[in-house]
Amino acid sequence: MNKKPQESPTVQSALRTIGTEQAGIASLAEAFKGELAGRFDEAVKSIRKIKGRVIVTGMGKSGHIAAKIAATLASTGTPAFFVHPSEANHGDLGMIARDDAIIALSWSGEAQELRGTIDYSKRFNIPLIAITAGEKSTLGTHADIVLALPREKEACPHNLAPTTSAIMQLGMGDALAIALLENREFSAGDFSVFHPGGKLGAQLLRISEIMHKGSDIPLINSGAQMTEAIMQISGKGFGCVGVTDEAGSLIGIVTDGDLARHLSTTLLKETVDDIMTRDPQTVQPDMLALEALDILNKKAIGALIVTTGTKPVGIVSFHDLLRVGVA
């Protein structure tokens, strides 16, 4: 009898790896119930005090994780960049200024290449934060703040290849980045400044940047006949028409769905007030495109009228969000 795919040795290996790494993250979370909590809080405060940038460094696999942490910090409002410790020893220490702070990653805390950076931080009184499992290591004993990682088993069956340790380092770096983001109240609008491209950049567009305006907005006056409403719906191509009162305020909407629900021989004799949905869902011009997409999906509708106060100023459809790359 053939084995089920989930019973194959390779899948079982994958599950063991993920399970071991999950245990490492769980152990890290548990550590926050002890001394790590105070040290983490101190690290966030230390980084918030500096006037310069955060320099993130590490050797080998820790270096790859350090580069990712630097990128995450930079993209969430904390100026940061990665410095390779070997290059630092050959001139790149000059990239680190007195107003900066250093985050150094080393699982053992004994990476020889970090010695120059450690000495440099002491010489110029630059705050040094260590992310390491070696609290009493060279790095740990010389750091101003030690974010000590629990010594958990690597997912590698030989307990050698950095796997669980790398995930834990990454988790700690992400925790710092997000804590700093929240501490400085870094908004989605701020985030968009650093992410103008790709789908993420599209999701952070404001509705005002993609909405249709002016005569493109399907609108009709209260009391109008349904024949006129149908012409607006088919002519403007949004599958709906907004209904406004004498003051120009939006009071309702007629959609394709409303037409289907009220389909009868008397439909064309009705007024829009008899058919419309009152108090329709609207959005504001400064809403993020991603938030508008969420509303469209939850309400199962195809378009949203954009209002300022009660006055319609635009309309945005699912197809618009698709066009700019949000959906």
C-alpha atoms as a PDB file:
ATOM      1  CA  MET A   1       0.000   0.000   0.000  1.00  0.00           C
ATOM      2  CA  ASN A   2       1.362   3.431  -0.951  1.00  0.00           C
ATOM      3  CA  LYS A   3       2.058   5.814   1.884  1.00  0.00           C
ATOM      4  CA  LYS A   4       0.069   9.030   2.134  1.00  0.00           C
ATOM      5  CA  PRO A   5       2.158  12.095   1.187  1.00  0.00           C
ATOM      6  CA  GLN A   6       2.113  13.345   4.783  1.00  0.00           C
ATOM      7  CA  GLU A   7       3.620  10.047   5.922  1.00  0.00           C
ATOM      8  CA  SER A   8       6.668  10.300   3.652  1.00  0.00           C
ATOM      9  CA  PRO A   9      10.102  10.683   5.306  1.00  0.00           C
ATOM     10  CA  THR A  10      10.653  14.077   3.714  1.00  0.00           C
ATOM     11  CA  VAL A  11       7.363  15.476   5.015  1.00  0.00           C
ATOM     12  CA  GLN A  12       8.051  14.031   8.456  1.00  0.00           C
ATOM     13  CA  SER A  13      11.454  15.721   8.351  1.00  0.00           C
ATOM     14  CA  ALA A  14       9.801  19.039   7.457  1.00  0.00           C
ATOM     15  CA  LEU A  15       7.354  18.693  10.345  1.00  0.00           C
ATOM     16  CA  ARG A  16      10.162  17.937  12.783  1.00  0.00           C
ATOM     17  CA  THR A  17      12.075  21.007  11.595  1.00  0.00           C
ATOM     18  CA  ILE A  18       9.091  23.318  11.926  1.00  0.00           C
ATOM     19  CA  GLY A  19       8.172  21.800  15.290  1.00  0.00           C
ATOM     20  CA  THR A  20      11.686  22.313  16.643  1.00  0.00           C
ATOM     21  CA  GLU A  21      11.734  25.917  15.458  1.00  0.00           C
ATOM     22  CA  GLN A  22       8.280  26.510  16.943  1.00  0.00           C
ATOM     23  CA  ALA A  23       9.614  25.254  20.263  1.00  0.00           C
ATOM     24  CA  GLY A  24      12.458  27.763  20.004  1.00  0.00           C
ATOM     25  CA  ILE A  25      10.054  30.675  19.446  1.00  0.00           C
ATOM     26  CA  ALA A  26       7.853  29.446  22.310  1.00  0.00           C
ATOM     27  CA  SER A  27      10.916  29.361  24.569  1.00  0.00           C
ATOM     28  CA  LEU A  28      11.809  32.910  23.510  1.00  0.00           C
ATOM     29  CA  ALA A  29       8.287  34.100  24.334  1.00  0.00           C
ATOM     30  CA  GLU A  30       8.553  32.402  27.748  1.00  0.00           C
ATOM     31  CA  ALA A  31      11.851  34.217  28.389  1.00  0.00           C
ATOM     32  CA  PHE A  32       9.980  37.527  28.251  1.00  0.00           C
ATOM     33  CA  LYS A  33       8.376  36.555  31.551  1.00  0.00           C
ATOM     34  CA  GLY A  34      11.802  36.936  33.176  1.00  0.00           C
ATOM     35  CA  GLU A  35      14.774  39.294  32.915  1.00  0.00           C
ATOM     36  CA  LEU A  36      14.484  39.574  29.148  1.00  0.00           C
ATOM     37  CA  ALA A  37      11.433  41.823  29.486  1.00  0.00           C
ATOM     38  CA  GLY A  38      13.309  44.567  31.323  1.00  0.00           C
ATOM     39  CA  ARG A  39      16.311  44.322  29.038  1.00  0.00           C
ATOM     40  CA  PHE A  40      14.130  44.492  25.935  1.00  0.00           C
ATOM     41  CA  ASP A  41      12.387  47.589  27.266  1.00  0.00           C
ATOM     42  CA  GLU A  42      15.789  49.120  27.997  1.00  0.00           C
ATOM     43  CA  ALA A  43      16.984  48.329  24.476  1.00  0.00           C
ATOM     44  CA  VAL A  44      13.973  50.057  22.893  1.00  0.00           C
ATOM     45  CA  LYS A  45      14.495  53.130  25.082  1.00  0.00           C
ATOM     46  CA  SER A  46      18.215  53.179  24.268  1.00  0.00           C
ATOM     47  CA  ILE A  47      17.549  53.120  20.514  1.00  0.00           C
ATOM     48  CA  ARG A  48      14.865  55.806  20.826  1.00  0.00           C
ATOM     49  CA  LYS A  49      17.374  58.131  22.532  1.00  0.00           C
ATOM     50  CA  ILE A  50      20.000  58.108  19.791  1.00  0.00           C
ATOM     51  CA  LYS A  51      20.182  60.858  17.201  1.00  0.00           C
ATOM     52  CA  GLY A  52      21.909  58.704  14.603  1.00  0.00           C
ATOM     53  CA  ARG A  53      21.252  55.303  13.083  1.00  0.00           C
ATOM     54  CA  VAL A  54      21.149  51.721  14.217  1.00  0.00           C
ATOM     55  CA  ILE A  55      24.075  49.680  12.923  1.00  0.00           C
ATOM     56  CA  VAL A  56      23.256  45.970  12.756  1.00  0.00           C
ATOM     57  CA  THR A  57      26.083  43.476  12.410  1.00  0.00           C
ATOM     58  CA  GLY A  58      26.756  39.760  12.566  1.00  0.00           C
ATOM     59  CA  MET A  59      28.879  37.062  10.963  1.00  0.00           C
ATOM     60  CA  GLY A  60      27.793  34.056   8.895  1.00  0.00           C
ATOM     61  CA  LYS A  61      24.125  33.095   9.236  1.00  0.00           C
ATOM     62  CA  SER A  62      23.792  35.680  12.002  1.00  0.00           C
ATOM     63  CA  GLY A  63      24.977  38.223   9.443  1.00  0.00           C
ATOM     64  CA  HIS A  64      22.203  37.296   7.027  1.00  0.00           C
ATOM     65  CA  ILE A  65      19.664  37.692   9.814  1.00  0.00           C
ATOM     66  CA  ALA A  66      21.279  40.990  10.837  1.00  0.00           C
ATOM     67  CA  ALA A  67      20.913  42.341   7.291  1.00  0.00           C
ATOM     68  CA  LYS A  68      17.217  41.460   7.310  1.00  0.00           C
ATOM     69  CA  ILE A  69      16.719  43.108  10.704  1.00  0.00           C
ATOM     70  CA  ALA A  70      18.419  46.271   9.450  1.00  0.00           C
ATOM     71  CA  ALA A  71      16.117  46.329   6.431  1.00  0.00           C
ATOM     72  CA  THR A  72      13.042  45.864   8.629  1.00  0.00           C
ATOM     73  CA  LEU A  73      14.119  48.629  10.990  1.00  0.00           C
ATOM     74  CA  ALA A  74      14.780  51.016   8.112  1.00  0.00           C
ATOM     75  CA  SER A  75      11.421  50.301   6.476  1.00  0.00           C
ATOM     76  CA  THR A  76       9.514  50.900   9.711  1.00  0.00           C
ATOM     77  CA  GLY A  77      10.937  54.270  10.589  1.00  0.00           C
ATOM     78  CA  THR A  78      14.180  53.459  12.444  1.00  0.00           C
ATOM     79  CA  PRO A  79      17.160  54.521  10.277  1.00  0.00           C
ATOM     80  CA  ALA A  80      19.430  51.470  10.107  1.00  0.00           C
ATOM     81  CA  PHE A  81      21.896  49.642   7.911  1.00  0.00           C
ATOM     82  CA  PHE A  82      23.993  46.493   7.985  1.00  0.00           C
ATOM     83  CA  VAL A  83      27.772  46.573   8.400  1.00  0.00           C
ATOM     84  CA  HIS A  84      29.713  43.374   7.750  1.00  0.00           C
ATOM     85  CA  PRO A  85      32.042  42.786  10.722  1.00  0.00           C
ATOM     86  CA  SER A  86      34.971  41.736   8.532  1.00  0.00           C
ATOM     87  CA  GLU A  87      34.634  44.844   6.392  1.00  0.00           C
ATOM     88  CA  ALA A  88      34.296  46.885   9.584  1.00  0.00           C
ATOM     89  CA  ASN A  89      37.743  45.667  10.608  1.00  0.00           C
ATOM     90  CA  HIS A  90      39.132  46.914   7.299  1.00  0.00           C
ATOM     91  CA  GLY A  91      37.801  50.453   7.290  1.00  0.00           C
ATOM     92  CA  ASP A  92      34.023  50.284   7.519  1.00  0.00           C
ATOM     93  CA  LEU A  93      34.101  51.117  11.231  1.00  0.00           C
ATOM     94  CA  GLY A  94      34.265  54.669   9.905  1.00  0.00           C
ATOM     95  CA  MET A  95      30.623  54.238   8.872  1.00  0.00           C
ATOM     96  CA  ILE A  96      29.632  54.074  12.544  1.00  0.00           C
ATOM     97  CA  ALA A  97      29.216  57.488  14.197  1.00  0.00           C
ATOM     98  CA  ARG A  98      29.135  58.560  17.837  1.00  0.00           C
ATOM     99  CA  ASP A  99      25.373  59.241  17.677  1.00  0.00           C
ATOM    100  CA  ASP A 100      24.621  55.703  16.470  1.00  0.00           C
ATOM    101  CA  ALA A 101      23.783  52.482  18.307  1.00  0.00           C
ATOM    102  CA  ILE A 102      24.986  48.990  17.445  1.00  0.00           C
ATOM    103  CA  ILE A 103      23.012  45.749  17.485  1.00  0.00           C
ATOM    104  CA  ALA A 104      25.381  42.780  17.244  1.00  0.00           C
ATOM    105  CA  LEU A 105      24.166  39.236  16.570  1.00  0.00           C
ATOM    106  CA  SER A 106      26.135  36.132  17.479  1.00  0.00           C
ATOM    107  CA  TRP A 107      24.641  32.897  18.763  1.00  0.00           C
ATOM    108  CA  SER A 108      27.775  31.966  20.709  1.00  0.00           C
ATOM    109  CA  GLY A 109      28.903  35.533  21.311  1.00  0.00           C
ATOM    110  CA  GLU A 110      32.450  34.561  20.359  1.00  0.00           C
ATOM    111  CA  ALA A 111      32.623  35.528  16.687  1.00  0.00           C
ATOM    112  CA  GLN A 112      36.201  36.767  16.287  1.00  0.00           C
ATOM    113  CA  GLU A 113      35.208  39.201  13.559  1.00  0.00           C
ATOM    114  CA  LEU A 114      33.086  41.192  16.046  1.00  0.00           C
ATOM    115  CA  ARG A 115      36.045  42.067  18.295  1.00  0.00           C
ATOM    116  CA  GLY A 116      36.871  45.232  16.351  1.00  0.00           C
ATOM    117  CA  THR A 117      33.286  46.480  16.526  1.00  0.00           C
ATOM    118  CA  ILE A 118      33.076  45.720  20.247  1.00  0.00           C
ATOM    119  CA  ASP A 119      36.284  47.657  20.938  1.00  0.00           C
ATOM    120  CA  TYR A 120      35.147  50.528  18.728  1.00  0.00           C
ATOM    121  CA  SER A 121      31.827  50.804  20.594  1.00  0.00           C
ATOM    122  CA  LYS A 122      33.685  51.066  23.917  1.00  0.00           C
ATOM    123  CA  ARG A 123      36.245  53.542  22.620  1.00  0.00           C
ATOM    124  CA  PHE A 124      33.597  56.001  21.400  1.00  0.00           C
ATOM    125  CA  ASN A 125      30.903  55.173  23.977  1.00  0.00           C
ATOM    126  CA  ILE A 126      28.463  53.899  21.332  1.00  0.00           C
ATOM    127  CA  PRO A 127      25.600  51.857  22.836  1.00  0.00           C
ATOM    128  CA  LEU A 128      26.049  48.146  22.079  1.00  0.00           C
ATOM    129  CA  ILE A 129      23.069  45.791  22.184  1.00  0.00           C
ATOM    130  CA  ALA A 130      23.825  42.080  21.914  1.00  0.00           C
ATOM    131  CA  ILE A 131      21.440  39.426  20.636  1.00  0.00           C
ATOM    132  CA  THR A 132      23.108  36.209  21.721  1.00  0.00           C
ATOM    133  CA  ALA A 133      22.687  32.958  23.605  1.00  0.00           C
ATOM    134  CA  GLY A 134      26.123  33.512  25.148  1.00  0.00           C
ATOM    135  CA  GLU A 135      25.331  35.964  27.901  1.00  0.00           C
ATOM    136  CA  LYS A 136      28.753  35.411  29.520  1.00  0.00           C
ATOM    137  CA  SER A 137      30.598  35.386  26.185  1.00  0.00           C
ATOM    138  CA  THR A 138      32.941  38.088  24.941  1.00  0.00           C
ATOM    139  CA  LEU A 139      30.057  39.873  23.234  1.00  0.00           C
ATOM    140  CA  GLY A 140      27.712  39.376  26.171  1.00  0.00           C
ATOM    141  CA  THR A 141      30.108  40.683  28.799  1.00  0.00           C
ATOM    142  CA  HIS A 142      31.058  43.781  26.788  1.00  0.00           C
ATOM    143  CA  ALA A 143      27.557  44.732  25.609  1.00  0.00           C
ATOM    144  CA  ASP A 144      25.603  47.484  27.348  1.00  0.00           C
ATOM    145  CA  ILE A 145      22.396  45.485  26.978  1.00  0.00           C
ATOM    146  CA  VAL A 146      22.179  41.734  26.414  1.00  0.00           C
ATOM    147  CA  LEU A 147      19.029  40.305  24.867  1.00  0.00           C
ATOM    148  CA  ALA A 148      19.766  36.748  25.898  1.00  0.00           C
ATOM    149  CA  LEU A 149      18.249  34.023  23.736  1.00  0.00           C
ATOM    150  CA  PRO A 150      17.378  30.640  25.299  1.00  0.00           C
ATOM    151  CA  ARG A 151      19.713  27.849  24.189  1.00  0.00           C
ATOM    152  CA  GLU A 152      17.334  25.646  22.224  1.00  0.00           C
ATOM    153  CA  LYS A 153      18.125  22.671  20.005  1.00  0.00           C
ATOM    154  CA  GLU A 154      18.796  23.366  16.342  1.00  0.00           C
ATOM    155  CA  ALA A 155      16.439  21.713  13.863  1.00  0.00           C
ATOM    156  CA  CYS A 156      19.505  20.199  12.219  1.00  0.00           C
ATOM    157  CA  PRO A 157      19.743  16.541  13.403  1.00  0.00           C
ATOM    158  CA  HIS A 158      23.414  17.161  14.228  1.00  0.00           C
ATOM    159  CA  ASN A 159      22.498  20.280  16.218  1.00  0.00           C
ATOM    160  CA  LEU A 160      24.968  22.234  14.087  1.00  0.00           C
ATOM    161  CA  ALA A 161      23.347  24.142  11.199  1.00  0.00           C
ATOM    162  CA  PRO A 162      21.867  27.459  12.413  1.00  0.00           C
ATOM    163  CA  THR A 163      18.122  26.925  12.076  1.00  0.00           C
ATOM    164  CA  THR A 164      16.239  27.350  15.330  1.00  0.00           C
ATOM    165  CA  SER A 165      18.826  29.877  16.452  1.00  0.00           C
ATOM    166  CA  ALA A 166      18.365  31.914  13.259  1.00  0.00           C
ATOM    167  CA  ILE A 167      14.583  31.951  13.691  1.00  0.00           C
ATOM    168  CA  MET A 168      14.948  33.133  17.282  1.00  0.00           C
ATOM    169  CA  GLN A 169      17.376  35.908  16.276  1.00  0.00           C
ATOM    170  CA  LEU A 170      14.978  37.007  13.568  1.00  0.00           C
ATOM    171  CA  GLY A 171      12.071  36.962  16.000  1.00  0.00           C
ATOM    172  CA  MET A 172      13.966  39.171  18.428  1.00  0.00           C
ATOM    173  CA  GLY A 173      14.873  41.599  15.642  1.00  0.00           C
ATOM    174  CA  ASP A 174      11.283  41.786  14.426  1.00  0.00           C
ATOM    175  CA  ALA A 175      10.102  42.339  18.003  1.00  0.00           C
ATOM    176  CA  LEU A 176      12.482  45.302  18.332  1.00  0.00           C
ATOM    177  CA  ALA A 177      11.408  46.792  15.001  1.00  0.00           C
ATOM    178  CA  ILE A 178       7.704  46.585  15.765  1.00  0.00           C
ATOM    179  CA  ALA A 179       8.120  47.841  19.341  1.00  0.00           C
ATOM    180  CA  LEU A 180      10.000  50.853  17.970  1.00  0.00           C
ATOM    181  CA  LEU A 181       7.361  51.363  15.287  1.00  0.00           C
ATOM    182  CA  GLU A 182       4.577  51.386  17.863  1.00  0.00           C
ATOM    183  CA  ASN A 183       6.597  53.468  20.314  1.00  0.00           C
ATOM    184  CA  ARG A 184       6.973  56.298  17.819  1.00  0.00           C
ATOM    185  CA  GLU A 185       3.401  55.826  16.495  1.00  0.00           C
ATOM    186  CA  PHE A 186       4.659  55.125  12.985  1.00  0.00           C
ATOM    187  CA  SER A 187       1.497  55.167  10.835  1.00  0.00           C
ATOM    188  CA  ALA A 188       0.514  53.355   7.660  1.00  0.00           C
ATOM    189  CA  GLY A 189       0.936  56.688   5.888  1.00  0.00           C
ATOM    190  CA  ASP A 190       4.509  56.912   7.157  1.00  0.00           C
ATOM    191  CA  PHE A 191       5.045  53.321   6.060  1.00  0.00           C
ATOM    192  CA  SER A 192       3.976  54.190   2.509  1.00  0.00           C
ATOM    193  CA  VAL A 193       6.814  56.716   2.210  1.00  0.00           C
ATOM    194  CA  PHE A 194       9.326  53.852   2.436  1.00  0.00           C
ATOM    195  CA  HIS A 195       7.331  51.427   0.241  1.00  0.00           C
ATOM    196  CA  PRO A 196       6.274  53.279  -2.938  1.00  0.00           C
ATOM    197  CA  GLY A 197       6.650  50.268  -5.238  1.00  0.00           C
ATOM    198  CA  GLY A 198       5.025  46.892  -5.775  1.00  0.00           C
ATOM    199  CA  LYS A 199       1.778  45.586  -4.337  1.00  0.00           C
ATOM    200  CA  LEU A 200       2.590  46.915  -0.883  1.00  0.00           C
ATOM    201  CA  GLY A 201       3.022  50.399  -2.309  1.00  0.00           C
ATOM    202  CA  ALA A 202      -0.305  50.078  -4.126  1.00  0.00           C
ATOM    203  CA  GLN A 203      -2.090  49.017  -0.953  1.00  0.00           C
ATOM    204  CA  LEU A 204      -0.788  52.134   0.768  1.00  0.00           C
ATOM    205  CA  LEU A 205      -2.178  54.499  -1.860  1.00  0.00           C
ATOM    206  CA  ARG A 206      -4.907  56.854  -0.681  1.00  0.00           C
ATOM    207  CA  ILE A 207      -8.369  56.610  -2.200  1.00  0.00           C
ATOM    208  CA  SER A 208      -8.023  60.230  -3.356  1.00  0.00           C
ATOM    209  CA  GLU A 209      -5.157  59.129  -5.615  1.00  0.00           C
ATOM    210  CA  ILE A 210      -7.181  56.571  -7.575  1.00  0.00           C
ATOM    211  CA  MET A 211     -10.847  57.622  -7.342  1.00  0.00           C
ATOM    212  CA  HIS A 212     -12.933  58.921 -10.253  1.00  0.00           C
ATOM    213  CA  LYS A 213     -14.073  62.529  -9.844  1.00  0.00           C
ATOM    214  CA  GLY A 214     -16.407  65.141 -11.285  1.00  0.00           C
ATOM    215  CA  SER A 215     -18.732  64.074 -14.074  1.00  0.00           C
ATOM    216  CA  ASP A 216     -17.463  60.496 -13.842  1.00  0.00           C
ATOM    217  CA  ILE A 217     -19.344  60.025 -10.547  1.00  0.00           C
ATOM    218  CA  PRO A 218     -22.744  58.390 -11.170  1.00  0.00           C
ATOM    219  CA  LEU A 219     -25.206  60.635  -9.333  1.00  0.00           C
ATOM    220  CA  ILE A 220     -28.910  61.337  -9.597  1.00  0.00           C
ATOM    221  CA  ASN A 221     -31.321  63.624  -7.767  1.00  0.00           C
ATOM    222  CA  SER A 222     -33.851  62.364  -5.267  1.00  0.00           C
ATOM    223  CA  GLY A 223     -37.265  61.900  -6.928  1.00  0.00           C
ATOM    224  CA  ALA A 224     -35.832  60.959 -10.324  1.00  0.00           C
ATOM    225  CA  GLN A 225     -37.428  58.129 -12.288  1.00  0.00           C
ATOM    226  CA  MET A 226     -35.798  54.698 -12.377  1.00  0.00           C
ATOM    227  CA  THR A 227     -35.407  54.987 -16.139  1.00  0.00           C
ATOM    228  CA  GLU A 228     -32.864  57.762 -15.555  1.00  0.00           C
ATOM    229  CA  ALA A 229     -31.140  55.760 -12.841  1.00  0.00           C
ATOM    230  CA  ILE A 230     -30.776  52.747 -15.135  1.00  0.00           C
ATOM    231  CA  MET A 231     -29.192  54.957 -17.786  1.00  0.00           C
ATOM    232  CA  GLN A 232     -26.677  56.274 -15.230  1.00  0.00           C
ATOM    233  CA  ILE A 233     -25.840  52.777 -14.021  1.00  0.00           C
ATOM    234  CA  SER A 234     -25.243  51.431 -17.519  1.00  0.00           C
ATOM    235  CA  GLY A 235     -23.600  54.592 -18.851  1.00  0.00           C
ATOM    236  CA  LYS A 236     -21.048  55.193 -16.066  1.00  0.00           C
ATOM    237  CA  GLY A 237     -20.146  51.517 -15.709  1.00  0.00           C
ATOM    238  CA  PHE A 238     -19.834  51.291 -11.914  1.00  0.00           C
ATOM    239  CA  GLY A 239     -22.895  49.142 -11.333  1.00  0.00           C
ATOM    240  CA  CYS A 240     -24.485  51.779  -9.125  1.00  0.00           C
ATOM    241  CA  VAL A 241     -25.732  55.355  -8.914  1.00  0.00           C
ATOM    242  CA  GLY A 242     -25.706  57.628  -5.866  1.00  0.00           C
ATOM    243  CA  VAL A 243     -28.845  59.530  -4.902  1.00  0.00           C
ATOM    244  CA  THR A 244     -28.482  63.095  -3.591  1.00  0.00           C
ATOM    245  CA  ASP A 245     -30.897  65.522  -1.942  1.00  0.00           C
ATOM    246  CA  GLU A 246     -31.422  69.202  -2.793  1.00  0.00           C
ATOM    247  CA  ALA A 247     -28.341  70.153  -0.756  1.00  0.00           C
ATOM    248  CA  GLY A 248     -26.154  67.732  -2.686  1.00  0.00           C
ATOM    249  CA  SER A 249     -25.761  65.307   0.206  1.00  0.00           C
ATOM    250  CA  LEU A 250     -25.683  61.581  -0.476  1.00  0.00           C
ATOM    251  CA  ILE A 251     -28.835  59.952   0.917  1.00  0.00           C
ATOM    252  CA  GLY A 252     -28.887  56.608  -0.881  1.00  0.00           C
ATOM    253  CA  ILE A 253     -27.589  54.351  -3.627  1.00  0.00           C
ATOM    254  CA  VAL A 254     -29.181  52.200  -6.318  1.00  0.00           C
ATOM    255  CA  THR A 255     -27.136  49.193  -7.436  1.00  0.00           C
ATOM    256  CA  ASP A 256     -27.402  46.374  -9.942  1.00  0.00           C
ATOM    257  CA  GLY A 257     -28.473  44.228  -7.021  1.00  0.00           C
ATOM    258  CA  ASP A 258     -31.325  46.593  -6.167  1.00  0.00           C
ATOM    259  CA  LEU A 259     -32.539  46.379  -9.767  1.00  0.00           C
ATOM    260  CA  ALA A 260     -32.554  42.593  -9.634  1.00  0.00           C
ATOM    261  CA  ARG A 261     -34.411  42.544  -6.311  1.00  0.00           C
ATOM    262  CA  HIS A 262     -37.106  44.941  -7.537  1.00  0.00           C
ATOM    263  CA  LEU A 263     -37.430  43.601 -11.058  1.00  0.00           C
ATOM    264  CA  SER A 264     -41.081  43.820 -12.092  1.00  0.00           C
ATOM    265  CA  THR A 265     -43.302  45.326 -14.742  1.00  0.00           C
ATOM    266  CA  THR A 266     -43.674  48.470 -12.605  1.00  0.00           C
ATOM    267  CA  LEU A 267     -39.945  49.095 -12.012  1.00  0.00           C
ATOM    268  CA  LEU A 268     -39.643  51.788 -14.655  1.00  0.00           C
ATOM    269  CA  LYS A 269     -42.541  53.709 -13.096  1.00  0.00           C
ATOM    270  CA  GLU A 270     -40.855  53.827  -9.697  1.00  0.00           C
ATOM    271  CA  THR A 271     -38.667  56.658  -8.395  1.00  0.00           C
ATOM    272  CA  VAL A 272     -35.140  56.132  -7.091  1.00  0.00           C
ATOM    273  CA  ASP A 273     -36.413  56.853  -3.573  1.00  0.00           C
ATOM    274  CA  ASP A 274     -38.605  53.748  -3.734  1.00  0.00           C
ATOM    275  CA  ILE A 275     -35.709  51.474  -4.729  1.00  0.00           C
ATOM    276  CA  MET A 276     -32.547  52.928  -3.205  1.00  0.00           C
ATOM    277  CA  THR A 277     -30.630  51.624  -0.224  1.00  0.00           C
ATOM    278  CA  ARG A 278     -30.482  54.409   2.328  1.00  0.00           C
ATOM    279  CA  ASP A 279     -27.313  55.365   4.253  1.00  0.00           C
ATOM    280  CA  PRO A 280     -24.975  53.507   1.902  1.00  0.00           C
ATOM    281  CA  GLN A 281     -21.448  52.439   2.781  1.00  0.00           C
ATOM    282  CA  THR A 282     -19.013  55.217   1.870  1.00  0.00           C
ATOM    283  CA  VAL A 283     -15.292  55.917   2.304  1.00  0.00           C
ATOM    284  CA  GLN A 284     -13.212  59.023   2.909  1.00  0.00           C
ATOM    285  CA  PRO A 285     -10.631  60.336   0.402  1.00  0.00           C
ATOM    286  CA  ASP A 286      -7.740  59.778   2.839  1.00  0.00           C
ATOM    287  CA  MET A 287      -8.580  56.105   3.445  1.00  0.00           C
ATOM    288  CA  LEU A 288      -5.945  53.600   2.347  1.00  0.00           C
ATOM    289  CA  ALA A 289      -6.684  51.557  -0.764  1.00  0.00           C
ATOM    290  CA  LEU A 290      -6.071  48.393   1.273  1.00  0.00           C
ATOM    291  CA  GLU A 291      -8.826  49.385   3.717  1.00  0.00           C
ATOM    292  CA  ALA A 292     -11.225  50.061   0.852  1.00  0.00           C
ATOM    293  CA  LEU A 293     -10.493  46.624  -0.600  1.00  0.00           C
ATOM    294  CA  ASP A 294     -11.317  45.065   2.760  1.00  0.00           C
ATOM    295  CA  ILE A 295     -14.709  46.826   2.795  1.00  0.00           C
ATOM    296  CA  LEU A 296     -15.507  45.744  -0.759  1.00  0.00           C
ATOM    297  CA  ASN A 297     -14.709  42.143   0.102  1.00  0.00           C
ATOM    298  CA  LYS A 298     -16.625  42.100   3.394  1.00  0.00           C
ATOM    299  CA  LYS A 299     -19.697  43.816   1.954  1.00  0.00           C
ATOM    300  CA  ALA A 300     -19.520  41.878  -1.341  1.00  0.00           C
ATOM    301  CA  ILE A 301     -19.991  45.069  -3.357  1.00  0.00           C
ATOM    302  CA  GLY A 302     -18.259  46.350  -6.465  1.00  0.00           C
ATOM    303  CA  ALA A 303     -17.815  50.060  -5.815  1.00  0.00           C
ATOM    304  CA  LEU A 304     -17.740  52.668  -3.050  1.00  0.00           C
ATOM    305  CA  ILE A 305     -18.803  56.289  -3.239  1.00  0.00           C
ATOM    306  CA  VAL A 306     -16.211  58.613  -1.718  1.00  0.00           C
ATOM    307  CA  THR A 307     -17.568  61.400   0.459  1.00  0.00           C
ATOM    308  CA  THR A 308     -16.302  64.423   2.336  1.00  0.00           C
ATOM    309  CA  GLY A 309     -18.814  64.885   5.108  1.00  0.00           C
ATOM    310  CA  THR A 310     -22.092  64.020   3.363  1.00  0.00           C
ATOM    311  CA  LYS A 311     -21.065  65.276  -0.084  1.00  0.00           C
ATOM    312  CA  PRO A 312     -19.962  62.782  -2.769  1.00  0.00           C
ATOM    313  CA  VAL A 313     -16.554  63.693  -4.207  1.00  0.00           C
ATOM    314  CA  GLY A 314     -15.584  60.504  -6.014  1.00  0.00           C
ATOM    315  CA  ILE A 315     -16.119  56.819  -6.612  1.00  0.00           C
ATOM    316  CA  VAL A 316     -13.727  53.863  -6.518  1.00  0.00           C
ATOM    317  CA  SER A 317     -14.392  50.347  -7.782  1.00  0.00           C
ATOM    318  CA  PHE A 318     -12.857  46.937  -7.328  1.00  0.00           C
ATOM    319  CA  HIS A 319     -11.540  47.226 -10.892  1.00  0.00           C
ATOM    320  CA  ASP A 320      -9.710  50.438  -9.952  1.00  0.00           C
ATOM    321  CA  LEU A 321      -7.994  48.632  -7.090  1.00  0.00           C
ATOM    322  CA  LEU A 322      -7.179  45.775  -9.453  1.00  0.00           C
ATOM    323  CA  ARG A 323      -5.744  48.210 -11.998  1.00  0.00           C
ATOM    324  CA  VAL A 324      -3.301  49.795  -9.532  1.00  0.00           C
ATOM    325  CA  GLY A 325      -2.258  46.414  -8.125  1.00  0.00           C
ATOM    326  CA  VAL A 326      -4.035  46.386  -4.750  1.00  0.00           C
ATOM    327  CA  ALA A 327      -6.386  43.467  -5.407  1.00  0.00           C
END
